[in-house]
Amino acid sequence: MESRHGSPIRLHAFNRGHDRRALRRGVSLLPSLFTLANLFCGWACVVHAMRGEFATAAPFIGVAVVLDMLDGRIARMTGTTSEFGVQLDSLADLISFGMAPAVLAFQWGLLPLGRMGWAVGFVYLTAAALRLARFNIQTNHDKRYFIGLPSPAAAGLVAATIFYFPEGLAAKPQAWLGLVMLAVPALLMVSTIRFQSFKSFDLGMQGGYRILLLVAVFIGLLVTFPHEVLMVIAYSYFASGFIGTLMGKLKGRTAEPAQAQAETDAPAEPQRRERKDAS
């Protein structure tokens, strides 16, 4: 009796436990698959850039940006974050948002500058590596902001510009503009300017239909005017850091006189009380 009914029950329990472990392994593998797809996009961008196919190479960086946002969110949603995933993500980001934009920009517009061109490309790659390393060792920071321009945003700025002007820069005077386009994001990546982070941004459930409508409008605009929409997004985020810094300084200057006035008025009240008590 026990052999007839006990064994199938144990076998059924074993199968259920095996299915749970297989499902858990599959869920933990999912974020890494997105990271590998991000890495592939960086490699594809380099390959097409070396062929001179800039209109094909640039969108791969945009796809890599989307994949980079998804892998972290999926890992947090499924509770499968790990140190291995963090390190793999950083290495993939260095290729997709460091090496790929540098090679793409060099092939697109820095070739006429010779050694100066590849030197600036190396500076960009170094800035991306420093930006990623600094981000990995930060422990106490405001999650609402990034310190320095994020490497995906910097790469998106380069990719959006090249996607808008895929013909390339053949003359040396024009190549200097390409140098500025690559050098400025490199400097901002290692700067202390704060840029808005959307990791903690929550659209909420209220007004869901309106949000879906806005998303539909955005997709329609992106399909109809892809070059213009991507340029607006890239340069708007680029400018947001400067606008936020300027607004913060203006608020600080406004708050300083009020604070000084409060500090001046604070001791006056005890003095009045002492004079009243003495009289």
C-alpha atoms as a PDB file:
ATOM      1  CA  MET A   1       0.000   0.000   0.000  1.00  0.00           C
ATOM      2  CA  GLU A   2       2.762   2.370   0.863  1.00  0.00           C
ATOM      3  CA  SER A   3       4.674   1.526  -2.272  1.00  0.00           C
ATOM      4  CA  ARG A   4       1.596   2.105  -4.400  1.00  0.00           C
ATOM      5  CA  HIS A   5       0.604   5.489  -2.922  1.00  0.00           C
ATOM      6  CA  GLY A   6       3.750   6.828  -1.217  1.00  0.00           C
ATOM      7  CA  SER A   7       6.137   6.726  -4.140  1.00  0.00           C
ATOM      8  CA  PRO A   8       3.981   8.736  -6.586  1.00  0.00           C
ATOM      9  CA  ILE A   9       3.460  11.390  -3.923  1.00  0.00           C
ATOM     10  CA  ARG A  10       7.199  11.709  -3.324  1.00  0.00           C
ATOM     11  CA  LEU A  11       7.813  11.767  -7.068  1.00  0.00           C
ATOM     12  CA  HIS A  12       5.191  14.477  -7.507  1.00  0.00           C
ATOM     13  CA  ALA A  13       6.803  16.563  -4.734  1.00  0.00           C
ATOM     14  CA  PHE A  14      10.192  16.083  -6.345  1.00  0.00           C
ATOM     15  CA  ASN A  15       8.872  17.256  -9.710  1.00  0.00           C
ATOM     16  CA  ARG A  16       7.320  20.351  -8.136  1.00  0.00           C
ATOM     17  CA  GLY A  17      10.590  21.249  -6.398  1.00  0.00           C
ATOM     18  CA  HIS A  18      12.502  20.692  -9.628  1.00  0.00           C
ATOM     19  CA  ASP A  19      10.074  22.941 -11.516  1.00  0.00           C
ATOM     20  CA  ARG A  20      10.511  25.703  -8.913  1.00  0.00           C
ATOM     21  CA  ARG A  21      14.296  25.543  -9.162  1.00  0.00           C
ATOM     22  CA  ALA A  22      14.139  25.564 -12.962  1.00  0.00           C
ATOM     23  CA  LEU A  23      11.774  28.555 -12.894  1.00  0.00           C
ATOM     24  CA  ARG A  24      14.037  30.381 -10.428  1.00  0.00           C
ATOM     25  CA  ARG A  25      17.074  29.774 -12.639  1.00  0.00           C
ATOM     26  CA  GLY A  26      15.124  30.992 -15.676  1.00  0.00           C
ATOM     27  CA  VAL A  27      14.046  34.171 -13.900  1.00  0.00           C
ATOM     28  CA  SER A  28      17.597  34.917 -12.698  1.00  0.00           C
ATOM     29  CA  LEU A  29      18.895  34.366 -16.236  1.00  0.00           C
ATOM     30  CA  LEU A  30      16.420  36.815 -17.785  1.00  0.00           C
ATOM     31  CA  PRO A  31      18.192  40.090 -16.758  1.00  0.00           C
ATOM     32  CA  SER A  32      21.520  38.720 -18.013  1.00  0.00           C
ATOM     33  CA  LEU A  33      19.927  37.970 -21.392  1.00  0.00           C
ATOM     34  CA  PHE A  34      18.922  41.623 -21.679  1.00  0.00           C
ATOM     35  CA  THR A  35      22.474  42.601 -20.717  1.00  0.00           C
ATOM     36  CA  LEU A  36      23.905  40.333 -23.425  1.00  0.00           C
ATOM     37  CA  ALA A  37      21.511  41.885 -25.929  1.00  0.00           C
ATOM     38  CA  ASN A  38      22.824  45.291 -24.827  1.00  0.00           C
ATOM     39  CA  LEU A  39      26.380  44.047 -25.412  1.00  0.00           C
ATOM     40  CA  PHE A  40      25.440  42.736 -28.843  1.00  0.00           C
ATOM     41  CA  CYS A  41      24.026  46.149 -29.822  1.00  0.00           C
ATOM     42  CA  GLY A  42      27.341  47.773 -28.908  1.00  0.00           C
ATOM     43  CA  TRP A  43      29.245  45.265 -31.016  1.00  0.00           C
ATOM     44  CA  ALA A  44      26.826  45.660 -33.951  1.00  0.00           C
ATOM     45  CA  CYS A  45      27.275  49.425 -33.789  1.00  0.00           C
ATOM     46  CA  VAL A  46      31.058  49.051 -34.022  1.00  0.00           C
ATOM     47  CA  VAL A  47      30.795  46.649 -36.984  1.00  0.00           C
ATOM     48  CA  HIS A  48      28.455  48.893 -38.976  1.00  0.00           C
ATOM     49  CA  ALA A  49      30.480  51.992 -38.096  1.00  0.00           C
ATOM     50  CA  MET A  50      33.648  50.384 -39.459  1.00  0.00           C
ATOM     51  CA  ARG A  51      31.745  49.726 -42.697  1.00  0.00           C
ATOM     52  CA  GLY A  52      30.669  53.370 -42.908  1.00  0.00           C
ATOM     53  CA  GLU A  53      26.982  52.484 -42.393  1.00  0.00           C
ATOM     54  CA  PHE A  54      26.302  55.246 -39.880  1.00  0.00           C
ATOM     55  CA  ALA A  55      22.509  55.370 -40.323  1.00  0.00           C
ATOM     56  CA  THR A  56      22.413  51.673 -39.377  1.00  0.00           C
ATOM     57  CA  ALA A  57      25.028  51.840 -36.628  1.00  0.00           C
ATOM     58  CA  ALA A  58      23.578  54.747 -34.613  1.00  0.00           C
ATOM     59  CA  PRO A  59      20.162  53.172 -33.795  1.00  0.00           C
ATOM     60  CA  PHE A  60      21.898  50.210 -32.158  1.00  0.00           C
ATOM     61  CA  ILE A  61      23.028  52.555 -29.375  1.00  0.00           C
ATOM     62  CA  GLY A  62      19.424  53.675 -28.886  1.00  0.00           C
ATOM     63  CA  VAL A  63      18.297  50.054 -28.587  1.00  0.00           C
ATOM     64  CA  ALA A  64      21.138  49.422 -26.120  1.00  0.00           C
ATOM     65  CA  VAL A  65      19.886  52.328 -23.968  1.00  0.00           C
ATOM     66  CA  VAL A  66      16.417  50.769 -23.782  1.00  0.00           C
ATOM     67  CA  LEU A  67      17.848  47.329 -22.954  1.00  0.00           C
ATOM     68  CA  ASP A  68      20.058  48.834 -20.258  1.00  0.00           C
ATOM     69  CA  MET A  69      17.006  50.358 -18.574  1.00  0.00           C
ATOM     70  CA  LEU A  70      15.079  47.090 -18.790  1.00  0.00           C
ATOM     71  CA  ASP A  71      17.673  44.682 -17.390  1.00  0.00           C
ATOM     72  CA  GLY A  72      17.992  46.544 -14.097  1.00  0.00           C
ATOM     73  CA  ARG A  73      14.243  46.956 -13.688  1.00  0.00           C
ATOM     74  CA  ILE A  74      13.596  43.293 -14.440  1.00  0.00           C
ATOM     75  CA  ALA A  75      16.265  42.223 -11.944  1.00  0.00           C
ATOM     76  CA  ARG A  76      14.704  44.377  -9.220  1.00  0.00           C
ATOM     77  CA  MET A  77      11.156  43.287 -10.031  1.00  0.00           C
ATOM     78  CA  THR A  78      12.046  39.593  -9.963  1.00  0.00           C
ATOM     79  CA  GLY A  79      14.391  39.888  -6.976  1.00  0.00           C
ATOM     80  CA  THR A  80      17.311  38.449  -8.954  1.00  0.00           C
ATOM     81  CA  THR A  81      19.873  41.200  -8.481  1.00  0.00           C
ATOM     82  CA  SER A  82      23.393  39.883  -7.962  1.00  0.00           C
ATOM     83  CA  GLU A  83      26.976  41.097  -7.923  1.00  0.00           C
ATOM     84  CA  PHE A  84      27.635  39.068 -11.073  1.00  0.00           C
ATOM     85  CA  GLY A  85      24.804  40.875 -12.855  1.00  0.00           C
ATOM     86  CA  VAL A  86      26.121  44.268 -11.728  1.00  0.00           C
ATOM     87  CA  GLN A  87      29.611  43.549 -13.048  1.00  0.00           C
ATOM     88  CA  LEU A  88      28.331  42.113 -16.324  1.00  0.00           C
ATOM     89  CA  ASP A  89      26.106  45.153 -16.801  1.00  0.00           C
ATOM     90  CA  SER A  90      29.040  47.530 -16.247  1.00  0.00           C
ATOM     91  CA  LEU A  91      31.215  45.689 -18.781  1.00  0.00           C
ATOM     92  CA  ALA A  92      28.408  45.699 -21.343  1.00  0.00           C
ATOM     93  CA  ASP A  93      27.820  49.418 -20.735  1.00  0.00           C
ATOM     94  CA  LEU A  94      31.497  50.162 -21.310  1.00  0.00           C
ATOM     95  CA  ILE A  95      31.253  48.557 -24.751  1.00  0.00           C
ATOM     96  CA  SER A  96      27.846  49.915 -25.758  1.00  0.00           C
ATOM     97  CA  PHE A  97      28.168  53.412 -24.251  1.00  0.00           C
ATOM     98  CA  GLY A  98      31.947  53.861 -24.265  1.00  0.00           C
ATOM     99  CA  MET A  99      33.655  51.989 -27.080  1.00  0.00           C
ATOM    100  CA  ALA A 100      30.778  51.997 -29.590  1.00  0.00           C
ATOM    101  CA  PRO A 101      30.079  55.786 -29.525  1.00  0.00           C
ATOM    102  CA  ALA A 102      33.799  56.549 -29.673  1.00  0.00           C
ATOM    103  CA  VAL A 103      34.336  54.340 -32.730  1.00  0.00           C
ATOM    104  CA  LEU A 104      31.127  55.577 -34.348  1.00  0.00           C
ATOM    105  CA  ALA A 105      32.062  59.242 -33.881  1.00  0.00           C
ATOM    106  CA  PHE A 106      35.636  58.653 -35.042  1.00  0.00           C
ATOM    107  CA  GLN A 107      34.570  56.927 -38.247  1.00  0.00           C
ATOM    108  CA  TRP A 108      31.808  59.481 -38.825  1.00  0.00           C
ATOM    109  CA  GLY A 109      33.604  62.762 -38.368  1.00  0.00           C
ATOM    110  CA  LEU A 110      36.993  62.612 -36.636  1.00  0.00           C
ATOM    111  CA  LEU A 111      39.039  60.871 -39.325  1.00  0.00           C
ATOM    112  CA  PRO A 112      40.160  64.169 -40.941  1.00  0.00           C
ATOM    113  CA  LEU A 113      41.738  65.217 -37.623  1.00  0.00           C
ATOM    114  CA  GLY A 114      44.151  62.296 -37.640  1.00  0.00           C
ATOM    115  CA  ARG A 115      45.792  61.611 -34.285  1.00  0.00           C
ATOM    116  CA  MET A 116      43.754  64.330 -32.621  1.00  0.00           C
ATOM    117  CA  GLY A 117      40.605  62.486 -33.627  1.00  0.00           C
ATOM    118  CA  TRP A 118      41.506  59.122 -32.177  1.00  0.00           C
ATOM    119  CA  ALA A 119      42.946  60.802 -29.080  1.00  0.00           C
ATOM    120  CA  VAL A 120      39.612  62.481 -28.359  1.00  0.00           C
ATOM    121  CA  GLY A 121      37.879  59.159 -28.957  1.00  0.00           C
ATOM    122  CA  PHE A 122      40.143  57.594 -26.335  1.00  0.00           C
ATOM    123  CA  VAL A 123      39.360  60.438 -23.933  1.00  0.00           C
ATOM    124  CA  TYR A 124      35.646  59.724 -24.389  1.00  0.00           C
ATOM    125  CA  LEU A 125      36.184  56.019 -23.733  1.00  0.00           C
ATOM    126  CA  THR A 126      38.205  56.809 -20.607  1.00  0.00           C
ATOM    127  CA  ALA A 127      35.524  59.206 -19.347  1.00  0.00           C
ATOM    128  CA  ALA A 128      32.870  56.509 -19.798  1.00  0.00           C
ATOM    129  CA  ALA A 129      35.006  54.009 -17.857  1.00  0.00           C
ATOM    130  CA  LEU A 130      35.575  56.518 -15.037  1.00  0.00           C
ATOM    131  CA  ARG A 131      31.879  57.370 -14.955  1.00  0.00           C
ATOM    132  CA  LEU A 132      30.877  53.719 -14.613  1.00  0.00           C
ATOM    133  CA  ALA A 133      33.546  53.037 -11.978  1.00  0.00           C
ATOM    134  CA  ARG A 134      32.490  56.050  -9.918  1.00  0.00           C
ATOM    135  CA  PHE A 135      28.857  55.004 -10.103  1.00  0.00           C
ATOM    136  CA  ASN A 136      29.663  51.458  -8.954  1.00  0.00           C
ATOM    137  CA  ILE A 137      31.494  52.588  -5.804  1.00  0.00           C
ATOM    138  CA  GLN A 138      28.918  55.200  -4.765  1.00  0.00           C
ATOM    139  CA  THR A 139      27.033  54.035  -1.690  1.00  0.00           C
ATOM    140  CA  ASN A 140      25.239  57.053  -0.280  1.00  0.00           C
ATOM    141  CA  HIS A 141      23.708  59.142  -3.023  1.00  0.00           C
ATOM    142  CA  ASP A 142      20.371  60.673  -3.846  1.00  0.00           C
ATOM    143  CA  LYS A 143      18.603  58.200  -6.145  1.00  0.00           C
ATOM    144  CA  ARG A 144      16.659  61.044  -7.704  1.00  0.00           C
ATOM    145  CA  TYR A 145      19.797  62.334  -9.443  1.00  0.00           C
ATOM    146  CA  PHE A 146      22.900  61.137 -11.251  1.00  0.00           C
ATOM    147  CA  ILE A 147      26.202  62.846 -10.478  1.00  0.00           C
ATOM    148  CA  GLY A 148      27.568  63.596 -13.920  1.00  0.00           C
ATOM    149  CA  LEU A 149      25.979  62.814 -17.267  1.00  0.00           C
ATOM    150  CA  PRO A 150      25.052  59.095 -17.380  1.00  0.00           C
ATOM    151  CA  SER A 151      26.996  57.145 -19.978  1.00  0.00           C
ATOM    152  CA  PRO A 152      23.815  55.952 -21.791  1.00  0.00           C
ATOM    153  CA  ALA A 153      22.657  59.569 -22.140  1.00  0.00           C
ATOM    154  CA  ALA A 154      26.084  60.647 -23.410  1.00  0.00           C
ATOM    155  CA  ALA A 155      26.110  57.817 -25.948  1.00  0.00           C
ATOM    156  CA  GLY A 156      22.533  58.659 -26.942  1.00  0.00           C
ATOM    157  CA  LEU A 157      23.552  62.251 -27.590  1.00  0.00           C
ATOM    158  CA  VAL A 158      26.310  61.114 -29.954  1.00  0.00           C
ATOM    159  CA  ALA A 159      24.083  58.538 -31.648  1.00  0.00           C
ATOM    160  CA  ALA A 160      21.140  60.932 -32.118  1.00  0.00           C
ATOM    161  CA  THR A 161      23.393  63.546 -33.730  1.00  0.00           C
ATOM    162  CA  ILE A 162      24.949  61.042 -36.124  1.00  0.00           C
ATOM    163  CA  PHE A 163      21.540  59.517 -36.903  1.00  0.00           C
ATOM    164  CA  TYR A 164      20.300  63.008 -37.817  1.00  0.00           C
ATOM    165  CA  PHE A 165      23.389  63.745 -39.976  1.00  0.00           C
ATOM    166  CA  PRO A 166      24.464  60.319 -41.303  1.00  0.00           C
ATOM    167  CA  GLU A 167      26.460  61.731 -44.213  1.00  0.00           C
ATOM    168  CA  GLY A 168      29.542  62.242 -42.071  1.00  0.00           C
ATOM    169  CA  LEU A 169      32.078  65.061 -41.834  1.00  0.00           C
ATOM    170  CA  ALA A 170      34.623  64.900 -44.633  1.00  0.00           C
ATOM    171  CA  ALA A 171      36.288  68.332 -44.322  1.00  0.00           C
ATOM    172  CA  LYS A 172      38.620  69.263 -41.483  1.00  0.00           C
ATOM    173  CA  PRO A 173      36.735  72.435 -40.403  1.00  0.00           C
ATOM    174  CA  GLN A 174      33.565  70.379 -40.003  1.00  0.00           C
ATOM    175  CA  ALA A 175      35.465  67.689 -38.140  1.00  0.00           C
ATOM    176  CA  TRP A 176      36.149  70.146 -35.328  1.00  0.00           C
ATOM    177  CA  LEU A 177      32.399  70.234 -34.704  1.00  0.00           C
ATOM    178  CA  GLY A 178      32.456  66.464 -34.379  1.00  0.00           C
ATOM    179  CA  LEU A 179      35.292  66.786 -31.881  1.00  0.00           C
ATOM    180  CA  VAL A 180      33.220  69.159 -29.755  1.00  0.00           C
ATOM    181  CA  MET A 181      30.231  66.801 -29.989  1.00  0.00           C
ATOM    182  CA  LEU A 182      32.358  64.015 -28.488  1.00  0.00           C
ATOM    183  CA  ALA A 183      34.454  66.035 -26.034  1.00  0.00           C
ATOM    184  CA  VAL A 184      31.592  67.861 -24.280  1.00  0.00           C
ATOM    185  CA  PRO A 185      29.694  64.698 -23.214  1.00  0.00           C
ATOM    186  CA  ALA A 186      33.013  63.187 -22.119  1.00  0.00           C
ATOM    187  CA  LEU A 187      33.659  66.120 -19.783  1.00  0.00           C
ATOM    188  CA  LEU A 188      30.096  66.061 -18.463  1.00  0.00           C
ATOM    189  CA  MET A 189      30.342  62.360 -17.589  1.00  0.00           C
ATOM    190  CA  VAL A 190      33.128  63.092 -15.083  1.00  0.00           C
ATOM    191  CA  SER A 191      31.601  66.367 -13.869  1.00  0.00           C
ATOM    192  CA  THR A 192      29.586  66.934 -10.687  1.00  0.00           C
ATOM    193  CA  ILE A 193      26.536  68.355 -12.471  1.00  0.00           C
ATOM    194  CA  ARG A 194      23.376  66.580 -11.368  1.00  0.00           C
ATOM    195  CA  PHE A 195      21.053  65.016 -13.936  1.00  0.00           C
ATOM    196  CA  GLN A 196      17.576  63.721 -13.216  1.00  0.00           C
ATOM    197  CA  SER A 197      17.247  60.004 -12.589  1.00  0.00           C
ATOM    198  CA  PHE A 198      14.078  58.206 -13.636  1.00  0.00           C
ATOM    199  CA  LYS A 199      14.703  55.068 -11.559  1.00  0.00           C
ATOM    200  CA  SER A 200      12.397  56.242  -8.792  1.00  0.00           C
ATOM    201  CA  PHE A 201       9.996  57.988 -11.172  1.00  0.00           C
ATOM    202  CA  ASP A 202       6.512  56.538 -10.783  1.00  0.00           C
ATOM    203  CA  LEU A 203       3.721  57.423 -13.155  1.00  0.00           C
ATOM    204  CA  GLY A 204       1.171  55.959 -10.739  1.00  0.00           C
ATOM    205  CA  MET A 205      -2.076  54.220 -11.522  1.00  0.00           C
ATOM    206  CA  GLN A 206      -4.159  57.384 -11.556  1.00  0.00           C
ATOM    207  CA  GLY A 207      -4.793  58.762 -14.990  1.00  0.00           C
ATOM    208  CA  GLY A 208      -3.713  55.494 -16.609  1.00  0.00           C
ATOM    209  CA  TYR A 209      -5.707  56.128 -19.761  1.00  0.00           C
ATOM    210  CA  ARG A 210      -4.118  59.521 -20.233  1.00  0.00           C
ATOM    211  CA  ILE A 211      -0.658  58.020 -19.779  1.00  0.00           C
ATOM    212  CA  LEU A 212      -1.411  55.364 -22.381  1.00  0.00           C
ATOM    213  CA  LEU A 213      -2.629  58.074 -24.730  1.00  0.00           C
ATOM    214  CA  LEU A 214       0.585  60.049 -24.239  1.00  0.00           C
ATOM    215  CA  VAL A 215       2.640  56.923 -24.912  1.00  0.00           C
ATOM    216  CA  ALA A 216       0.646  56.311 -28.101  1.00  0.00           C
ATOM    217  CA  VAL A 217       1.242  59.915 -29.203  1.00  0.00           C
ATOM    218  CA  PHE A 218       4.965  59.532 -28.502  1.00  0.00           C
ATOM    219  CA  ILE A 219       5.160  56.316 -30.523  1.00  0.00           C
ATOM    220  CA  GLY A 220       3.307  57.984 -33.389  1.00  0.00           C
ATOM    221  CA  LEU A 221       5.714  60.928 -33.383  1.00  0.00           C
ATOM    222  CA  LEU A 222       8.722  58.625 -33.116  1.00  0.00           C
ATOM    223  CA  VAL A 223       7.586  56.581 -36.117  1.00  0.00           C
ATOM    224  CA  THR A 224       6.727  59.673 -38.166  1.00  0.00           C
ATOM    225  CA  PHE A 225       9.702  61.884 -37.234  1.00  0.00           C
ATOM    226  CA  PRO A 226      12.348  59.543 -35.774  1.00  0.00           C
ATOM    227  CA  HIS A 227      15.351  61.800 -36.390  1.00  0.00           C
ATOM    228  CA  GLU A 228      13.766  64.916 -34.936  1.00  0.00           C
ATOM    229  CA  VAL A 229      12.203  63.188 -31.905  1.00  0.00           C
ATOM    230  CA  LEU A 230      15.452  61.469 -30.914  1.00  0.00           C
ATOM    231  CA  MET A 231      17.386  64.718 -31.272  1.00  0.00           C
ATOM    232  CA  VAL A 232      14.891  66.563 -29.069  1.00  0.00           C
ATOM    233  CA  ILE A 233      15.015  63.853 -26.389  1.00  0.00           C
ATOM    234  CA  ALA A 234      18.819  63.638 -26.359  1.00  0.00           C
ATOM    235  CA  TYR A 235      19.514  67.361 -26.257  1.00  0.00           C
ATOM    236  CA  SER A 236      16.653  68.110 -23.852  1.00  0.00           C
ATOM    237  CA  TYR A 237      18.131  65.752 -21.273  1.00  0.00           C
ATOM    238  CA  PHE A 238      21.568  67.193 -22.001  1.00  0.00           C
ATOM    239  CA  ALA A 239      20.281  70.705 -21.278  1.00  0.00           C
ATOM    240  CA  SER A 240      18.303  69.625 -18.205  1.00  0.00           C
ATOM    241  CA  GLY A 241      21.452  69.321 -16.131  1.00  0.00           C
ATOM    242  CA  PHE A 242      22.453  72.923 -16.772  1.00  0.00           C
ATOM    243  CA  ILE A 243      18.910  74.185 -16.238  1.00  0.00           C
ATOM    244  CA  GLY A 244      18.614  72.301 -12.950  1.00  0.00           C
ATOM    245  CA  THR A 245      21.982  73.615 -11.743  1.00  0.00           C
ATOM    246  CA  LEU A 246      21.032  77.183 -12.640  1.00  0.00           C
ATOM    247  CA  MET A 247      17.665  76.906 -10.893  1.00  0.00           C
ATOM    248  CA  GLY A 248      19.349  75.451  -7.803  1.00  0.00           C
ATOM    249  CA  LYS A 249      21.742  78.370  -7.622  1.00  0.00           C
ATOM    250  CA  LEU A 250      18.926  80.871  -8.031  1.00  0.00           C
ATOM    251  CA  LYS A 251      16.957  79.199  -5.230  1.00  0.00           C
ATOM    252  CA  GLY A 252      20.068  79.222  -3.055  1.00  0.00           C
ATOM    253  CA  ARG A 253      20.569  82.932  -3.593  1.00  0.00           C
ATOM    254  CA  THR A 254      16.919  83.570  -2.761  1.00  0.00           C
ATOM    255  CA  ALA A 255      17.123  81.491   0.407  1.00  0.00           C
ATOM    256  CA  GLU A 256      20.329  83.121   1.695  1.00  0.00           C
ATOM    257  CA  PRO A 257      18.827  86.590   2.403  1.00  0.00           C
ATOM    258  CA  ALA A 258      15.833  85.019   4.166  1.00  0.00           C
ATOM    259  CA  GLN A 259      18.107  82.854   6.294  1.00  0.00           C
ATOM    260  CA  ALA A 260      20.348  85.795   7.121  1.00  0.00           C
ATOM    261  CA  GLN A 261      17.324  87.882   8.121  1.00  0.00           C
ATOM    262  CA  ALA A 262      16.060  85.067  10.356  1.00  0.00           C
ATOM    263  CA  GLU A 263      19.460  84.754  12.033  1.00  0.00           C
ATOM    264  CA  THR A 264      19.550  88.524  12.602  1.00  0.00           C
ATOM    265  CA  ASP A 265      16.077  88.646  14.094  1.00  0.00           C
ATOM    266  CA  ALA A 266      16.516  85.606  16.355  1.00  0.00           C
ATOM    267  CA  PRO A 267      18.772  87.201  19.053  1.00  0.00           C
ATOM    268  CA  ALA A 268      16.687  90.398  19.156  1.00  0.00           C
ATOM    269  CA  GLU A 269      13.779  88.802  21.045  1.00  0.00           C
ATOM    270  CA  PRO A 270      15.815  87.628  24.093  1.00  0.00           C
ATOM    271  CA  GLN A 271      17.395  91.080  24.353  1.00  0.00           C
ATOM    272  CA  ARG A 272      13.972  92.698  24.499  1.00  0.00           C
ATOM    273  CA  ARG A 273      12.911  90.295  27.220  1.00  0.00           C
ATOM    274  CA  GLU A 274      16.040  91.018  29.279  1.00  0.00           C
ATOM    275  CA  ARG A 275      15.443  94.766  29.049  1.00  0.00           C
ATOM    276  CA  LYS A 276      11.851  94.264  30.115  1.00  0.00           C
ATOM    277  CA  ASP A 277      12.890  92.138  33.094  1.00  0.00           C
ATOM    278  CA  ALA A 278      15.562  94.652  34.139  1.00  0.00           C
ATOM    279  CA  SER A 279      13.073  97.503  34.111  1.00  0.00           C
END
